[in-house]
Amino acid sequence: MDFGSVKNVGNAVVDSIAQEREKNGEFKSFADFCERMSGESVNKKCIESLIKAGAFDEFEQTRSTLLASFEGIIDTISDTSRKTMQGQVTMFDLGNTEDEKIESMKYSFTTLKEFDEKELLSMEKEMLGIYISGHPLDKIKEDIQKISTINTLQMLQMNEDSNLNEDGKQVKYVGIITSIKKKYTKRNTLMAFMTVEDLYGSTEIIVFDSCYSKSQNILLEENIVLIDGRLSIREDEPVKIVANTITEFNGKKGDRPLFCQTTKMDNPKILTLNITNISETQKDKLRGAIKFFSGDRNNIAIQVNDNGKIKPCGAIYFNEQIFEAFKEIVGEQNVELKCT
């Protein structure tokens, strides 16, 4: 993996890391890396990105542990360095203690269970633009083959053959949404252009307003979808698919998400928050939380129930911890999680 392509890193950082390694040997641990790169161009944001990309996976700590601990470790190193420059003696300058014991006393790791596979892959995609340690579709590959009638590899072949006879052919395509661009039509309705990726590559999906209005709640990045549509083949243009219907696809349950059949936090699709009886203080906290958890990795639609009136509030990034945070703000009885 080229670490220069990792988000927030860059070639200058990679060069400084490589020079340090060549000069003083391989990095022995995460703490060793932070100590030796302290004062260089490797800042906290850079280290966070490297953790998410899996750069430190060969060391003993999980990514979740490193993400929870790295800022405190860097602050400890900076503080120790500052005291050394001021001529102060720290407890770590005193001898008579084994190196490993000093290391354990020096740094405090918040040990956490590793993220699930989906979360790890999502981080890799966010940092690198590609999946490294696997693909979200790997485990349902056989189920996809049973349902889909076309894949990206076949579409690329059509590009090479310039086969216009296939234009308008009805197809079924399964993939994971990687990007969505929304656009207003002349009738002031919303349509979308989506990039959807399968195991062989990615393709553009055109979602006209009639289809968009029926499926907008599931058109979220990282959702796995089944697209029933028709091929659009034009000379000197990549083959595209015009969607007729879009439904969720998560394997053997067909186009119904597995979360609907279980109580696991596998793939929820819409979060409803009842704000009818909560205080203004709670509402302020709720608005702040929705804004805070909204970003590039949104994976669930969110709406509020205000005295029986349902109001959409966009989308947020969602996991178990965020679910608990919303429960704490509005009360567990006011939180409803369901599939569309």
C-alpha atoms as a PDB file:
ATOM      1  CA  MET A   1       0.000   0.000   0.000  1.00  0.00           C
ATOM      2  CA  ASP A   2       1.308   3.473  -0.903  1.00  0.00           C
ATOM      3  CA  PHE A   3       0.852   5.493   2.291  1.00  0.00           C
ATOM      4  CA  GLY A   4       1.264   8.682   0.287  1.00  0.00           C
ATOM      5  CA  SER A   5      -2.214   8.108  -1.105  1.00  0.00           C
ATOM      6  CA  VAL A   6      -3.785   7.926   2.371  1.00  0.00           C
ATOM      7  CA  LYS A   7      -6.066  10.855   3.143  1.00  0.00           C
ATOM      8  CA  ASN A   8      -4.329  13.569   5.250  1.00  0.00           C
ATOM      9  CA  VAL A   9      -0.872  11.980   4.805  1.00  0.00           C
ATOM     10  CA  GLY A  10       0.976  12.916   1.596  1.00  0.00           C
ATOM     11  CA  ASN A  11       4.400  12.170   0.164  1.00  0.00           C
ATOM     12  CA  ALA A  12       6.344  14.516   2.456  1.00  0.00           C
ATOM     13  CA  VAL A  13       5.195  12.554   5.506  1.00  0.00           C
ATOM     14  CA  VAL A  14       5.964   9.238   3.821  1.00  0.00           C
ATOM     15  CA  ASP A  15       9.479  10.422   2.969  1.00  0.00           C
ATOM     16  CA  SER A  16      10.177  11.461   6.570  1.00  0.00           C
ATOM     17  CA  ILE A  17       8.882   8.113   7.893  1.00  0.00           C
ATOM     18  CA  ALA A  18      11.014   6.189   5.371  1.00  0.00           C
ATOM     19  CA  GLN A  19      14.125   8.215   6.231  1.00  0.00           C
ATOM     20  CA  GLU A  20      13.676   7.580   9.970  1.00  0.00           C
ATOM     21  CA  ARG A  21      13.202   3.850   9.384  1.00  0.00           C
ATOM     22  CA  GLU A  22      16.300   3.630   7.170  1.00  0.00           C
ATOM     23  CA  LYS A  23      18.385   5.559   9.674  1.00  0.00           C
ATOM     24  CA  ASN A  24      17.296   3.895  12.942  1.00  0.00           C
ATOM     25  CA  GLY A  25      15.645   0.619  11.957  1.00  0.00           C
ATOM     26  CA  GLU A  26      12.086  -0.678  11.861  1.00  0.00           C
ATOM     27  CA  PHE A  27       9.457   0.695  14.214  1.00  0.00           C
ATOM     28  CA  LYS A  28       8.947  -1.731  17.105  1.00  0.00           C
ATOM     29  CA  SER A  29       5.531  -0.556  18.292  1.00  0.00           C
ATOM     30  CA  PHE A  30       2.947   2.184  17.855  1.00  0.00           C
ATOM     31  CA  ALA A  31       4.460   4.139  20.752  1.00  0.00           C
ATOM     32  CA  ASP A  32       7.929   3.722  19.227  1.00  0.00           C
ATOM     33  CA  PHE A  33       6.593   5.205  15.974  1.00  0.00           C
ATOM     34  CA  CYS A  34       5.043   8.186  17.775  1.00  0.00           C
ATOM     35  CA  GLU A  35       8.220   8.823  19.787  1.00  0.00           C
ATOM     36  CA  ARG A  36      10.544   8.702  16.809  1.00  0.00           C
ATOM     37  CA  MET A  37       8.297  10.787  14.544  1.00  0.00           C
ATOM     38  CA  SER A  38       7.570  13.391  17.230  1.00  0.00           C
ATOM     39  CA  GLY A  39       8.396  16.882  16.011  1.00  0.00           C
ATOM     40  CA  GLU A  40       8.225  15.823  12.374  1.00  0.00           C
ATOM     41  CA  SER A  41       5.393  16.561   9.944  1.00  0.00           C
ATOM     42  CA  VAL A  42       3.394  13.602  11.310  1.00  0.00           C
ATOM     43  CA  ASN A  43       0.590  15.349  13.205  1.00  0.00           C
ATOM     44  CA  LYS A  44      -2.437  13.892  15.020  1.00  0.00           C
ATOM     45  CA  LYS A  45      -4.680  14.013  11.949  1.00  0.00           C
ATOM     46  CA  CYS A  46      -2.076  12.148   9.948  1.00  0.00           C
ATOM     47  CA  ILE A  47      -1.668   9.442  12.602  1.00  0.00           C
ATOM     48  CA  GLU A  48      -5.439   9.032  12.890  1.00  0.00           C
ATOM     49  CA  SER A  49      -5.639   8.476   9.136  1.00  0.00           C
ATOM     50  CA  LEU A  50      -2.803   5.938   9.207  1.00  0.00           C
ATOM     51  CA  ILE A  51      -4.585   4.033  11.996  1.00  0.00           C
ATOM     52  CA  LYS A  52      -7.829   3.922   9.996  1.00  0.00           C
ATOM     53  CA  ALA A  53      -5.955   2.799   6.879  1.00  0.00           C
ATOM     54  CA  GLY A  54      -4.480  -0.157   8.794  1.00  0.00           C
ATOM     55  CA  ALA A  55      -0.863   1.038   8.768  1.00  0.00           C
ATOM     56  CA  PHE A  56      -0.303  -0.179  12.351  1.00  0.00           C
ATOM     57  CA  ASP A  57      -2.179  -3.484  12.121  1.00  0.00           C
ATOM     58  CA  GLU A  58       1.059  -5.469  12.523  1.00  0.00           C
ATOM     59  CA  PHE A  59       1.421  -4.174  16.080  1.00  0.00           C
ATOM     60  CA  GLU A  60      -0.468  -5.682  19.016  1.00  0.00           C
ATOM     61  CA  GLN A  61      -3.255  -3.122  19.472  1.00  0.00           C
ATOM     62  CA  THR A  62      -6.563  -3.066  17.617  1.00  0.00           C
ATOM     63  CA  ARG A  63      -7.491  -0.069  15.472  1.00  0.00           C
ATOM     64  CA  SER A  64     -10.264   0.782  17.936  1.00  0.00           C
ATOM     65  CA  THR A  65      -7.726   0.811  20.795  1.00  0.00           C
ATOM     66  CA  LEU A  66      -5.311   3.031  18.875  1.00  0.00           C
ATOM     67  CA  LEU A  67      -8.045   5.484  17.875  1.00  0.00           C
ATOM     68  CA  ALA A  68      -9.117   5.774  21.515  1.00  0.00           C
ATOM     69  CA  SER A  69      -5.532   6.174  22.771  1.00  0.00           C
ATOM     70  CA  PHE A  70      -3.323   7.926  20.218  1.00  0.00           C
ATOM     71  CA  GLU A  71      -4.039  11.532  21.253  1.00  0.00           C
ATOM     72  CA  GLY A  72      -3.124  10.855  24.898  1.00  0.00           C
ATOM     73  CA  ILE A  73       0.069   9.078  23.832  1.00  0.00           C
ATOM     74  CA  ILE A  74       1.118  11.942  21.556  1.00  0.00           C
ATOM     75  CA  ASP A  75       0.359  14.478  24.311  1.00  0.00           C
ATOM     76  CA  THR A  76       2.491  12.472  26.767  1.00  0.00           C
ATOM     77  CA  ILE A  77       5.397  12.447  24.302  1.00  0.00           C
ATOM     78  CA  SER A  78       5.060  16.191  23.681  1.00  0.00           C
ATOM     79  CA  ASP A  79       4.905  16.927  27.406  1.00  0.00           C
ATOM     80  CA  THR A  80       7.947  14.766  28.132  1.00  0.00           C
ATOM     81  CA  SER A  81       9.867  16.436  25.290  1.00  0.00           C
ATOM     82  CA  ARG A  82       8.958  19.898  26.604  1.00  0.00           C
ATOM     83  CA  LYS A  83      10.133  19.050  30.131  1.00  0.00           C
ATOM     84  CA  THR A  84      13.381  17.630  28.773  1.00  0.00           C
ATOM     85  CA  MET A  85      14.051  20.866  26.880  1.00  0.00           C
ATOM     86  CA  GLN A  86      13.417  22.820  30.093  1.00  0.00           C
ATOM     87  CA  GLY A  87      15.934  20.663  31.944  1.00  0.00           C
ATOM     88  CA  GLN A  88      13.363  18.960  34.153  1.00  0.00           C
ATOM     89  CA  VAL A  89      13.876  15.330  35.152  1.00  0.00           C
ATOM     90  CA  THR A  90      10.864  13.058  34.667  1.00  0.00           C
ATOM     91  CA  MET A  91      10.282   9.687  36.266  1.00  0.00           C
ATOM     92  CA  PHE A  92      11.157   8.111  32.920  1.00  0.00           C
ATOM     93  CA  ASP A  93      14.653   9.569  33.039  1.00  0.00           C
ATOM     94  CA  LEU A  94      15.428   7.557  36.165  1.00  0.00           C
ATOM     95  CA  GLY A  95      17.244   4.293  35.604  1.00  0.00           C
ATOM     96  CA  ASN A  96      16.871   1.016  37.421  1.00  0.00           C
ATOM     97  CA  THR A  97      13.663   0.103  35.615  1.00  0.00           C
ATOM     98  CA  GLU A  98      13.321  -2.351  32.778  1.00  0.00           C
ATOM     99  CA  ASP A  99      12.487  -0.788  29.412  1.00  0.00           C
ATOM    100  CA  GLU A 100       9.248  -2.756  28.990  1.00  0.00           C
ATOM    101  CA  LYS A 101       8.051  -1.721  32.443  1.00  0.00           C
ATOM    102  CA  ILE A 102       8.817   1.918  31.661  1.00  0.00           C
ATOM    103  CA  GLU A 103       6.910   1.599  28.394  1.00  0.00           C
ATOM    104  CA  SER A 104       3.816   0.262  30.163  1.00  0.00           C
ATOM    105  CA  MET A 105       4.002   3.031  32.777  1.00  0.00           C
ATOM    106  CA  LYS A 106       4.614   5.718  30.194  1.00  0.00           C
ATOM    107  CA  TYR A 107       1.603   5.252  27.986  1.00  0.00           C
ATOM    108  CA  SER A 108      -1.991   4.443  28.742  1.00  0.00           C
ATOM    109  CA  PHE A 109      -3.879   2.458  26.095  1.00  0.00           C
ATOM    110  CA  THR A 110      -7.668   2.330  26.270  1.00  0.00           C
ATOM    111  CA  THR A 111      -8.086  -1.296  25.221  1.00  0.00           C
ATOM    112  CA  LEU A 112     -11.207  -1.855  23.129  1.00  0.00           C
ATOM    113  CA  LYS A 113     -12.661  -4.707  21.136  1.00  0.00           C
ATOM    114  CA  GLU A 114     -11.873  -4.388  17.441  1.00  0.00           C
ATOM    115  CA  PHE A 115     -14.410  -2.811  15.098  1.00  0.00           C
ATOM    116  CA  ASP A 116     -16.497  -5.215  13.074  1.00  0.00           C
ATOM    117  CA  GLU A 117     -15.434  -6.060   9.520  1.00  0.00           C
ATOM    118  CA  LYS A 118     -17.871  -3.637   7.925  1.00  0.00           C
ATOM    119  CA  GLU A 119     -16.516  -0.734   9.975  1.00  0.00           C
ATOM    120  CA  LEU A 120     -12.885  -1.632   9.219  1.00  0.00           C
ATOM    121  CA  LEU A 121     -13.587  -1.802   5.486  1.00  0.00           C
ATOM    122  CA  SER A 122     -15.460   1.487   5.661  1.00  0.00           C
ATOM    123  CA  MET A 123     -12.419   3.162   7.248  1.00  0.00           C
ATOM    124  CA  GLU A 124     -10.136   1.797   4.534  1.00  0.00           C
ATOM    125  CA  LYS A 125     -12.457   3.095   1.846  1.00  0.00           C
ATOM    126  CA  GLU A 126     -12.622   6.511   3.516  1.00  0.00           C
ATOM    127  CA  MET A 127      -8.846   6.827   3.832  1.00  0.00           C
ATOM    128  CA  LEU A 128      -7.687   5.137   0.621  1.00  0.00           C
ATOM    129  CA  GLY A 129     -10.628   5.252  -1.748  1.00  0.00           C
ATOM    130  CA  ILE A 130     -10.417   1.450  -2.078  1.00  0.00           C
ATOM    131  CA  TYR A 131     -10.891  -1.623   0.113  1.00  0.00           C
ATOM    132  CA  ILE A 132      -7.647  -3.329   1.177  1.00  0.00           C
ATOM    133  CA  SER A 133      -8.333  -6.219   3.561  1.00  0.00           C
ATOM    134  CA  GLY A 134     -11.523  -7.412   1.863  1.00  0.00           C
ATOM    135  CA  HIS A 135     -14.708  -6.250   0.183  1.00  0.00           C
ATOM    136  CA  PRO A 136     -18.190  -5.791   1.685  1.00  0.00           C
ATOM    137  CA  LEU A 137     -19.650  -7.999  -1.061  1.00  0.00           C
ATOM    138  CA  ASP A 138     -17.288 -10.967  -0.578  1.00  0.00           C
ATOM    139  CA  LYS A 139     -19.534 -12.845   1.854  1.00  0.00           C
ATOM    140  CA  ILE A 140     -22.627 -12.564  -0.340  1.00  0.00           C
ATOM    141  CA  LYS A 141     -20.902 -13.188  -3.679  1.00  0.00           C
ATOM    142  CA  GLU A 142     -22.848 -16.388  -4.405  1.00  0.00           C
ATOM    143  CA  ASP A 143     -26.173 -14.738  -3.553  1.00  0.00           C
ATOM    144  CA  ILE A 144     -25.352 -11.840  -5.860  1.00  0.00           C
ATOM    145  CA  GLN A 145     -24.598 -14.228  -8.713  1.00  0.00           C
ATOM    146  CA  LYS A 146     -27.998 -15.876  -8.275  1.00  0.00           C
ATOM    147  CA  ILE A 147     -29.874 -12.567  -8.498  1.00  0.00           C
ATOM    148  CA  SER A 148     -27.871 -10.303 -10.811  1.00  0.00           C
ATOM    149  CA  THR A 149     -27.900 -10.618 -14.593  1.00  0.00           C
ATOM    150  CA  ILE A 150     -24.949  -8.324 -15.279  1.00  0.00           C
ATOM    151  CA  ASN A 151     -21.758  -7.115 -13.603  1.00  0.00           C
ATOM    152  CA  THR A 152     -19.197  -4.382 -14.220  1.00  0.00           C
ATOM    153  CA  LEU A 153     -16.818  -6.746 -16.002  1.00  0.00           C
ATOM    154  CA  GLN A 154     -19.481  -7.570 -18.596  1.00  0.00           C
ATOM    155  CA  MET A 155     -20.297  -3.888 -18.997  1.00  0.00           C
ATOM    156  CA  LEU A 156     -16.625  -3.084 -19.657  1.00  0.00           C
ATOM    157  CA  GLN A 157     -16.624  -5.758 -22.354  1.00  0.00           C
ATOM    158  CA  MET A 158     -19.642  -4.067 -23.942  1.00  0.00           C
ATOM    159  CA  ASN A 159     -17.654  -0.805 -24.005  1.00  0.00           C
ATOM    160  CA  GLU A 160     -14.865  -2.514 -25.916  1.00  0.00           C
ATOM    161  CA  ASP A 161     -17.244  -4.258 -28.334  1.00  0.00           C
ATOM    162  CA  SER A 162     -19.329  -1.101 -28.908  1.00  0.00           C
ATOM    163  CA  ASN A 163     -22.417  -3.330 -29.006  1.00  0.00           C
ATOM    164  CA  LEU A 164     -25.297  -0.868 -29.415  1.00  0.00           C
ATOM    165  CA  ASN A 165     -27.771  -3.744 -29.873  1.00  0.00           C
ATOM    166  CA  GLU A 166     -27.837  -4.209 -26.080  1.00  0.00           C
ATOM    167  CA  ASP A 167     -29.149  -0.677 -25.514  1.00  0.00           C
ATOM    168  CA  GLY A 168     -32.369  -0.777 -23.489  1.00  0.00           C
ATOM    169  CA  LYS A 169     -31.846  -4.365 -22.305  1.00  0.00           C
ATOM    170  CA  GLN A 170     -33.431  -5.095 -18.893  1.00  0.00           C
ATOM    171  CA  VAL A 171     -30.826  -6.033 -16.266  1.00  0.00           C
ATOM    172  CA  LYS A 172     -30.381  -6.620 -12.542  1.00  0.00           C
ATOM    173  CA  TYR A 173     -27.213  -5.264 -10.953  1.00  0.00           C
ATOM    174  CA  VAL A 174     -26.073  -5.603  -7.332  1.00  0.00           C
ATOM    175  CA  GLY A 175     -23.451  -3.364  -5.773  1.00  0.00           C
ATOM    176  CA  ILE A 176     -22.517  -1.017  -2.950  1.00  0.00           C
ATOM    177  CA  ILE A 177     -23.213   2.704  -3.297  1.00  0.00           C
ATOM    178  CA  THR A 178     -19.957   4.691  -3.232  1.00  0.00           C
ATOM    179  CA  SER A 179     -21.197   8.154  -4.184  1.00  0.00           C
ATOM    180  CA  ILE A 180     -24.423  10.026  -4.906  1.00  0.00           C
ATOM    181  CA  LYS A 181     -24.899  13.310  -6.738  1.00  0.00           C
ATOM    182  CA  LYS A 182     -28.374  14.800  -6.544  1.00  0.00           C
ATOM    183  CA  LYS A 183     -29.802  17.177  -9.127  1.00  0.00           C
ATOM    184  CA  TYR A 184     -33.030  19.114  -9.522  1.00  0.00           C
ATOM    185  CA  THR A 185     -34.977  18.530 -12.723  1.00  0.00           C
ATOM    186  CA  LYS A 186     -36.801  21.199 -14.734  1.00  0.00           C
ATOM    187  CA  ARG A 187     -39.945  20.174 -12.821  1.00  0.00           C
ATOM    188  CA  ASN A 188     -38.124  20.982  -9.559  1.00  0.00           C
ATOM    189  CA  THR A 189     -38.009  17.307  -8.532  1.00  0.00           C
ATOM    190  CA  LEU A 190     -34.918  15.433  -7.399  1.00  0.00           C
ATOM    191  CA  MET A 191     -33.034  12.851  -9.419  1.00  0.00           C
ATOM    192  CA  ALA A 192     -29.600  11.338  -8.785  1.00  0.00           C
ATOM    193  CA  PHE A 193     -26.461  10.032 -10.423  1.00  0.00           C
ATOM    194  CA  MET A 194     -24.960   7.232  -8.347  1.00  0.00           C
ATOM    195  CA  THR A 195     -21.685   5.386  -8.544  1.00  0.00           C
ATOM    196  CA  VAL A 196     -22.232   1.765  -7.524  1.00  0.00           C
ATOM    197  CA  GLU A 197     -19.405  -0.749  -7.108  1.00  0.00           C
ATOM    198  CA  ASP A 198     -19.483  -4.524  -7.423  1.00  0.00           C
ATOM    199  CA  LEU A 199     -16.602  -6.994  -7.080  1.00  0.00           C
ATOM    200  CA  TYR A 200     -15.202  -6.093 -10.508  1.00  0.00           C
ATOM    201  CA  GLY A 201     -15.390  -2.304 -10.602  1.00  0.00           C
ATOM    202  CA  SER A 202     -17.924   0.500 -10.566  1.00  0.00           C
ATOM    203  CA  THR A 203     -20.558   1.932 -12.873  1.00  0.00           C
ATOM    204  CA  GLU A 204     -22.872   4.927 -13.062  1.00  0.00           C
ATOM    205  CA  ILE A 205     -26.548   4.492 -12.236  1.00  0.00           C
ATOM    206  CA  ILE A 206     -29.018   7.125 -13.424  1.00  0.00           C
ATOM    207  CA  VAL A 207     -31.949   7.506 -11.041  1.00  0.00           C
ATOM    208  CA  PHE A 208     -34.761   9.620 -12.486  1.00  0.00           C
ATOM    209  CA  ASP A 209     -37.164  11.460 -10.195  1.00  0.00           C
ATOM    210  CA  SER A 210     -39.921   8.805 -10.262  1.00  0.00           C
ATOM    211  CA  CYS A 211     -37.502   6.122  -9.024  1.00  0.00           C
ATOM    212  CA  TYR A 212     -35.691   8.493  -6.678  1.00  0.00           C
ATOM    213  CA  SER A 213     -38.859   9.485  -4.823  1.00  0.00           C
ATOM    214  CA  LYS A 214     -39.644   5.831  -4.067  1.00  0.00           C
ATOM    215  CA  SER A 215     -36.167   4.836  -2.919  1.00  0.00           C
ATOM    216  CA  GLN A 216     -34.511   7.976  -1.512  1.00  0.00           C
ATOM    217  CA  ASN A 217     -34.419   6.625   2.070  1.00  0.00           C
ATOM    218  CA  ILE A 218     -32.079   3.807   1.044  1.00  0.00           C
ATOM    219  CA  LEU A 219     -29.890   5.793  -1.342  1.00  0.00           C
ATOM    220  CA  LEU A 220     -27.050   6.191   1.142  1.00  0.00           C
ATOM    221  CA  GLU A 221     -23.342   5.605   0.715  1.00  0.00           C
ATOM    222  CA  GLU A 222     -22.209   2.092   1.750  1.00  0.00           C
ATOM    223  CA  ASN A 223     -25.684   0.614   1.273  1.00  0.00           C
ATOM    224  CA  ILE A 224     -25.824  -2.571  -0.796  1.00  0.00           C
ATOM    225  CA  VAL A 225     -28.600  -2.333  -3.361  1.00  0.00           C
ATOM    226  CA  LEU A 226     -30.296  -4.339  -6.095  1.00  0.00           C
ATOM    227  CA  ILE A 227     -30.937  -2.201  -9.160  1.00  0.00           C
ATOM    228  CA  ASP A 228     -33.556  -3.337 -11.633  1.00  0.00           C
ATOM    229  CA  GLY A 229     -33.179  -1.221 -14.751  1.00  0.00           C
ATOM    230  CA  ARG A 230     -32.122  -0.964 -18.376  1.00  0.00           C
ATOM    231  CA  LEU A 231     -28.789  -0.515 -20.100  1.00  0.00           C
ATOM    232  CA  SER A 232     -27.946   2.847 -21.636  1.00  0.00           C
ATOM    233  CA  ILE A 233     -25.345   2.382 -24.373  1.00  0.00           C
ATOM    234  CA  ARG A 234     -24.058   5.339 -26.375  1.00  0.00           C
ATOM    235  CA  GLU A 235     -21.072   5.641 -28.678  1.00  0.00           C
ATOM    236  CA  ASP A 236     -17.893   6.877 -26.975  1.00  0.00           C
ATOM    237  CA  GLU A 237     -19.531   6.733 -23.539  1.00  0.00           C
ATOM    238  CA  PRO A 238     -19.245   4.140 -20.742  1.00  0.00           C
ATOM    239  CA  VAL A 239     -22.223   1.792 -20.438  1.00  0.00           C
ATOM    240  CA  LYS A 240     -24.659   3.019 -17.768  1.00  0.00           C
ATOM    241  CA  ILE A 241     -27.800   1.666 -16.121  1.00  0.00           C
ATOM    242  CA  VAL A 242     -31.046   3.634 -15.889  1.00  0.00           C
ATOM    243  CA  ALA A 243     -32.797   2.448 -12.713  1.00  0.00           C
ATOM    244  CA  ASN A 244     -36.453   1.438 -12.705  1.00  0.00           C
ATOM    245  CA  THR A 245     -36.524   0.240  -9.086  1.00  0.00           C
ATOM    246  CA  ILE A 246     -33.925   0.117  -6.328  1.00  0.00           C
ATOM    247  CA  THR A 247     -34.196  -2.159  -3.293  1.00  0.00           C
ATOM    248  CA  GLU A 248     -31.818  -3.202  -0.549  1.00  0.00           C
ATOM    249  CA  PHE A 249     -29.836  -6.386  -0.927  1.00  0.00           C
ATOM    250  CA  ASN A 250     -27.987  -8.180   1.837  1.00  0.00           C
ATOM    251  CA  GLY A 251     -27.788 -11.787   0.782  1.00  0.00           C
ATOM    252  CA  LYS A 252     -30.081 -14.741   1.259  1.00  0.00           C
ATOM    253  CA  LYS A 253     -33.052 -12.695   2.332  1.00  0.00           C
ATOM    254  CA  GLY A 254     -33.235 -11.336  -1.210  1.00  0.00           C
ATOM    255  CA  ASP A 255     -33.947  -7.656  -1.358  1.00  0.00           C
ATOM    256  CA  ARG A 256     -34.932  -7.361   2.322  1.00  0.00           C
ATOM    257  CA  PRO A 257     -32.218  -6.196   4.742  1.00  0.00           C
ATOM    258  CA  LEU A 258     -31.163  -8.783   7.310  1.00  0.00           C
ATOM    259  CA  PHE A 259     -31.662  -6.232  10.095  1.00  0.00           C
ATOM    260  CA  CYS A 260     -35.416  -6.541   9.623  1.00  0.00           C
ATOM    261  CA  GLN A 261     -35.247 -10.224  10.512  1.00  0.00           C
ATOM    262  CA  THR A 262     -32.903  -9.795  13.497  1.00  0.00           C
ATOM    263  CA  THR A 263     -32.277  -7.431  16.366  1.00  0.00           C
ATOM    264  CA  LYS A 264     -28.616  -6.914  15.441  1.00  0.00           C
ATOM    265  CA  MET A 265     -27.142  -3.576  14.430  1.00  0.00           C
ATOM    266  CA  ASP A 266     -26.421  -5.021  10.994  1.00  0.00           C
ATOM    267  CA  ASN A 267     -28.022  -2.676   8.516  1.00  0.00           C
ATOM    268  CA  PRO A 268     -30.678  -0.314   9.940  1.00  0.00           C
ATOM    269  CA  LYS A 269     -32.135   2.149   7.472  1.00  0.00           C
ATOM    270  CA  ILE A 270     -34.062   4.865   9.265  1.00  0.00           C
ATOM    271  CA  LEU A 271     -33.877   6.374  12.745  1.00  0.00           C
ATOM    272  CA  THR A 272     -36.999   8.080  14.085  1.00  0.00           C
ATOM    273  CA  LEU A 273     -36.743  10.360  17.124  1.00  0.00           C
ATOM    274  CA  ASN A 274     -39.921  11.409  18.957  1.00  0.00           C
ATOM    275  CA  ILE A 275     -39.431  15.011  20.142  1.00  0.00           C
ATOM    276  CA  THR A 276     -43.053  15.656  21.191  1.00  0.00           C
ATOM    277  CA  ASN A 277     -42.449  15.649  24.936  1.00  0.00           C
ATOM    278  CA  ILE A 278     -38.781  16.504  25.285  1.00  0.00           C
ATOM    279  CA  SER A 279     -37.408  19.791  26.658  1.00  0.00           C
ATOM    280  CA  GLU A 280     -35.831  22.641  24.696  1.00  0.00           C
ATOM    281  CA  THR A 281     -32.479  21.721  26.215  1.00  0.00           C
ATOM    282  CA  GLN A 282     -32.835  18.190  24.867  1.00  0.00           C
ATOM    283  CA  LYS A 283     -33.807  19.572  21.461  1.00  0.00           C
ATOM    284  CA  ASP A 284     -30.692  21.747  21.389  1.00  0.00           C
ATOM    285  CA  LYS A 285     -28.522  18.749  22.238  1.00  0.00           C
ATOM    286  CA  LEU A 286     -30.313  16.700  19.576  1.00  0.00           C
ATOM    287  CA  ARG A 287     -29.726  19.318  16.882  1.00  0.00           C
ATOM    288  CA  GLY A 288     -26.063  19.412  17.818  1.00  0.00           C
ATOM    289  CA  ALA A 289     -25.762  15.606  17.703  1.00  0.00           C
ATOM    290  CA  ILE A 290     -27.424  15.341  14.285  1.00  0.00           C
ATOM    291  CA  LYS A 291     -25.069  17.990  12.906  1.00  0.00           C
ATOM    292  CA  PHE A 292     -22.026  16.368  14.541  1.00  0.00           C
ATOM    293  CA  PHE A 293     -22.729  12.862  13.220  1.00  0.00           C
ATOM    294  CA  SER A 294     -23.552  14.019   9.686  1.00  0.00           C
ATOM    295  CA  GLY A 295     -20.720  13.894   7.148  1.00  0.00           C
ATOM    296  CA  ASP A 296     -19.123  12.038   4.250  1.00  0.00           C
ATOM    297  CA  ARG A 297     -19.871   8.573   5.657  1.00  0.00           C
ATOM    298  CA  ASN A 298     -23.623   8.882   6.229  1.00  0.00           C
ATOM    299  CA  ASN A 299     -25.266   5.445   6.277  1.00  0.00           C
ATOM    300  CA  ILE A 300     -28.743   5.971   7.730  1.00  0.00           C
ATOM    301  CA  ALA A 301     -31.666   8.351   7.150  1.00  0.00           C
ATOM    302  CA  ILE A 302     -32.974  10.241  10.183  1.00  0.00           C
ATOM    303  CA  GLN A 303     -36.344  11.840  10.927  1.00  0.00           C
ATOM    304  CA  VAL A 304     -38.195  13.367  13.894  1.00  0.00           C
ATOM    305  CA  ASN A 305     -41.746  12.845  15.091  1.00  0.00           C
ATOM    306  CA  ASP A 306     -43.082  16.188  16.325  1.00  0.00           C
ATOM    307  CA  ASN A 307     -46.544  15.582  17.783  1.00  0.00           C
ATOM    308  CA  GLY A 308     -47.429  13.133  15.016  1.00  0.00           C
ATOM    309  CA  LYS A 309     -45.809  15.104  12.185  1.00  0.00           C
ATOM    310  CA  ILE A 310     -42.861  13.306  10.588  1.00  0.00           C
ATOM    311  CA  LYS A 311     -40.066  15.601   9.432  1.00  0.00           C
ATOM    312  CA  PRO A 312     -36.984  14.296   7.555  1.00  0.00           C
ATOM    313  CA  CYS A 313     -33.646  15.497   8.952  1.00  0.00           C
ATOM    314  CA  GLY A 314     -31.226  14.202   6.334  1.00  0.00           C
ATOM    315  CA  ALA A 315     -28.780  11.424   7.187  1.00  0.00           C
ATOM    316  CA  ILE A 316     -25.995  10.628   9.659  1.00  0.00           C
ATOM    317  CA  TYR A 317     -23.222   8.113  10.222  1.00  0.00           C
ATOM    318  CA  PHE A 318     -24.605   5.445  12.564  1.00  0.00           C
ATOM    319  CA  ASN A 319     -23.301   2.663  14.812  1.00  0.00           C
ATOM    320  CA  GLU A 320     -24.001   1.140  18.250  1.00  0.00           C
ATOM    321  CA  GLN A 321     -22.275   3.944  20.167  1.00  0.00           C
ATOM    322  CA  ILE A 322     -24.136   6.673  18.284  1.00  0.00           C
ATOM    323  CA  PHE A 323     -27.415   4.790  18.846  1.00  0.00           C
ATOM    324  CA  GLU A 324     -26.758   4.880  22.593  1.00  0.00           C
ATOM    325  CA  ALA A 325     -25.911   8.595  22.411  1.00  0.00           C
ATOM    326  CA  PHE A 326     -29.314   9.420  20.895  1.00  0.00           C
ATOM    327  CA  LYS A 327     -31.055   7.289  23.529  1.00  0.00           C
ATOM    328  CA  GLU A 328     -29.280   9.286  26.220  1.00  0.00           C
ATOM    329  CA  ILE A 329     -30.351  12.624  24.697  1.00  0.00           C
ATOM    330  CA  VAL A 330     -34.065  11.979  24.075  1.00  0.00           C
ATOM    331  CA  GLY A 331     -34.767   8.873  26.168  1.00  0.00           C
ATOM    332  CA  GLU A 332     -34.868   5.265  25.003  1.00  0.00           C
ATOM    333  CA  GLN A 333     -38.671   5.354  24.678  1.00  0.00           C
ATOM    334  CA  ASN A 334     -38.372   8.110  22.073  1.00  0.00           C
ATOM    335  CA  VAL A 335     -35.992   6.285  19.741  1.00  0.00           C
ATOM    336  CA  GLU A 336     -37.228   3.945  16.999  1.00  0.00           C
ATOM    337  CA  LEU A 337     -34.902   2.072  14.642  1.00  0.00           C
ATOM    338  CA  LYS A 338     -36.364   0.273  11.654  1.00  0.00           C
ATOM    339  CA  CYS A 339     -35.916  -0.713   8.021  1.00  0.00           C
ATOM    340  CA  THR A 340     -37.753   0.914   5.185  1.00  0.00           C
END
